[in-house]
């Protein structure tokens, strides 16, 4: 009976470890990072009609910097 309990504990631990590694690999894939960053900053890229051009350029610069920061690309 004790062997069954040890085996069950090992199987549960192994399964959880495998699921964690698989999730982290998928979550941190470049495609998923890009999708998350696009969704996060998509609202900044929409053009309101009443926004003057100078203000819109500043908004785009800020959104671009935030996107690059989210993607982990160094800014100069």
C-alpha atoms as a PDB file:
ATOM      1  CA  UNK A   1       0.000   0.000   0.000  1.00  0.00           C
ATOM      2  CA  UNK A   2       2.868   2.332   0.785  1.00  0.00           C
ATOM      3  CA  UNK A   3       4.409   1.718  -2.669  1.00  0.00           C
ATOM      4  CA  UNK A   4       1.148   2.767  -4.307  1.00  0.00           C
ATOM      5  CA  UNK A   5       1.166   6.044  -2.376  1.00  0.00           C
ATOM      6  CA  UNK A   6       4.791   6.756  -3.368  1.00  0.00           C
ATOM      7  CA  UNK A   7       4.081   5.905  -7.005  1.00  0.00           C
ATOM      8  CA  UNK A   8       0.996   8.117  -7.012  1.00  0.00           C
ATOM      9  CA  UNK A   9       2.992  11.022  -5.547  1.00  0.00           C
ATOM     10  CA  UNK A  10       5.738  10.608  -8.150  1.00  0.00           C
ATOM     11  CA  UNK A  11       3.204  10.458 -11.002  1.00  0.00           C
ATOM     12  CA  UNK A  12       1.366  13.566  -9.792  1.00  0.00           C
ATOM     13  CA  UNK A  13       4.612  15.508  -9.334  1.00  0.00           C
ATOM     14  CA  UNK A  14       5.879  14.455 -12.773  1.00  0.00           C
ATOM     15  CA  UNK A  15       2.593  15.370 -14.435  1.00  0.00           C
ATOM     16  CA  UNK A  16       2.471  18.804 -12.815  1.00  0.00           C
ATOM     17  CA  UNK A  17       6.089  19.471 -13.750  1.00  0.00           C
ATOM     18  CA  UNK A  18       5.439  18.493 -17.368  1.00  0.00           C
ATOM     19  CA  UNK A  19       2.336  20.694 -17.541  1.00  0.00           C
ATOM     20  CA  UNK A  20       4.214  23.670 -16.065  1.00  0.00           C
ATOM     21  CA  UNK A  21       7.108  23.324 -18.497  1.00  0.00           C
ATOM     22  CA  UNK A  22       4.727  22.960 -21.458  1.00  0.00           C
ATOM     23  CA  UNK A  23       2.678  25.987 -20.385  1.00  0.00           C
ATOM     24  CA  UNK A  24       5.744  28.190 -19.876  1.00  0.00           C
ATOM     25  CA  UNK A  25       7.230  27.142 -23.220  1.00  0.00           C
ATOM     26  CA  UNK A  26       3.978  27.982 -25.001  1.00  0.00           C
ATOM     27  CA  UNK A  27       3.358  31.186 -23.024  1.00  0.00           C
ATOM     28  CA  UNK A  28       6.857  32.524 -23.730  1.00  0.00           C
ATOM     29  CA  UNK A  29       6.942  31.674 -27.432  1.00  0.00           C
ATOM     30  CA  UNK A  30       7.711  34.699 -29.644  1.00  0.00           C
ATOM     31  CA  UNK A  31       4.370  34.418 -31.450  1.00  0.00           C
ATOM     32  CA  UNK A  32       2.374  34.528 -28.211  1.00  0.00           C
ATOM     33  CA  UNK A  33       4.430  37.399 -26.812  1.00  0.00           C
ATOM     34  CA  UNK A  34       3.779  39.376 -29.982  1.00  0.00           C
ATOM     35  CA  UNK A  35       0.030  38.636 -29.824  1.00  0.00           C
ATOM     36  CA  UNK A  36      -0.166  39.731 -26.175  1.00  0.00           C
ATOM     37  CA  UNK A  37       1.730  42.942 -26.890  1.00  0.00           C
ATOM     38  CA  UNK A  38      -0.426  43.752 -29.917  1.00  0.00           C
ATOM     39  CA  UNK A  39      -3.618  43.278 -27.912  1.00  0.00           C
ATOM     40  CA  UNK A  40      -2.236  45.284 -25.006  1.00  0.00           C
ATOM     41  CA  UNK A  41      -1.282  48.309 -27.101  1.00  0.00           C
ATOM     42  CA  UNK A  42      -3.808  47.998 -29.937  1.00  0.00           C
ATOM     43  CA  UNK A  43      -5.958  50.771 -28.483  1.00  0.00           C
ATOM     44  CA  UNK A  44      -3.004  53.195 -28.738  1.00  0.00           C
ATOM     45  CA  UNK A  45      -2.766  52.633 -32.514  1.00  0.00           C
ATOM     46  CA  UNK A  46      -6.367  53.645 -33.264  1.00  0.00           C
ATOM     47  CA  UNK A  47      -6.671  57.135 -34.801  1.00  0.00           C
ATOM     48  CA  UNK A  48      -9.306  59.386 -33.236  1.00  0.00           C
ATOM     49  CA  UNK A  49     -10.594  61.780 -35.900  1.00  0.00           C
ATOM     50  CA  UNK A  50     -10.369  64.927 -33.770  1.00  0.00           C
ATOM     51  CA  UNK A  51      -6.703  64.400 -32.770  1.00  0.00           C
ATOM     52  CA  UNK A  52      -4.266  66.957 -34.261  1.00  0.00           C
ATOM     53  CA  UNK A  53      -1.330  65.579 -36.239  1.00  0.00           C
ATOM     54  CA  UNK A  54       1.355  66.693 -33.729  1.00  0.00           C
ATOM     55  CA  UNK A  55      -0.452  65.034 -30.839  1.00  0.00           C
ATOM     56  CA  UNK A  56      -1.024  61.910 -32.927  1.00  0.00           C
ATOM     57  CA  UNK A  57       2.726  61.652 -33.665  1.00  0.00           C
ATOM     58  CA  UNK A  58       3.448  61.785 -29.916  1.00  0.00           C
ATOM     59  CA  UNK A  59       0.802  59.123 -29.236  1.00  0.00           C
ATOM     60  CA  UNK A  60       2.325  56.852 -31.895  1.00  0.00           C
ATOM     61  CA  UNK A  61       5.823  57.325 -30.475  1.00  0.00           C
ATOM     62  CA  UNK A  62       4.590  56.418 -26.999  1.00  0.00           C
ATOM     63  CA  UNK A  63       2.679  53.377 -28.289  1.00  0.00           C
ATOM     64  CA  UNK A  64       5.716  52.266 -30.321  1.00  0.00           C
ATOM     65  CA  UNK A  65       8.012  52.576 -27.288  1.00  0.00           C
ATOM     66  CA  UNK A  66       5.536  50.653 -25.115  1.00  0.00           C
ATOM     67  CA  UNK A  67       5.251  47.920 -27.746  1.00  0.00           C
ATOM     68  CA  UNK A  68       9.028  47.567 -28.042  1.00  0.00           C
ATOM     69  CA  UNK A  69       9.333  47.459 -24.250  1.00  0.00           C
ATOM     70  CA  UNK A  70       6.660  44.760 -24.085  1.00  0.00           C
ATOM     71  CA  UNK A  71       8.449  42.714 -26.765  1.00  0.00           C
ATOM     72  CA  UNK A  72      11.749  43.030 -24.866  1.00  0.00           C
ATOM     73  CA  UNK A  73      13.513  44.873 -27.683  1.00  0.00           C
ATOM     74  CA  UNK A  74      16.118  47.353 -26.363  1.00  0.00           C
ATOM     75  CA  UNK A  75      15.456  51.014 -27.130  1.00  0.00           C
ATOM     76  CA  UNK A  76      18.140  53.506 -28.013  1.00  0.00           C
END
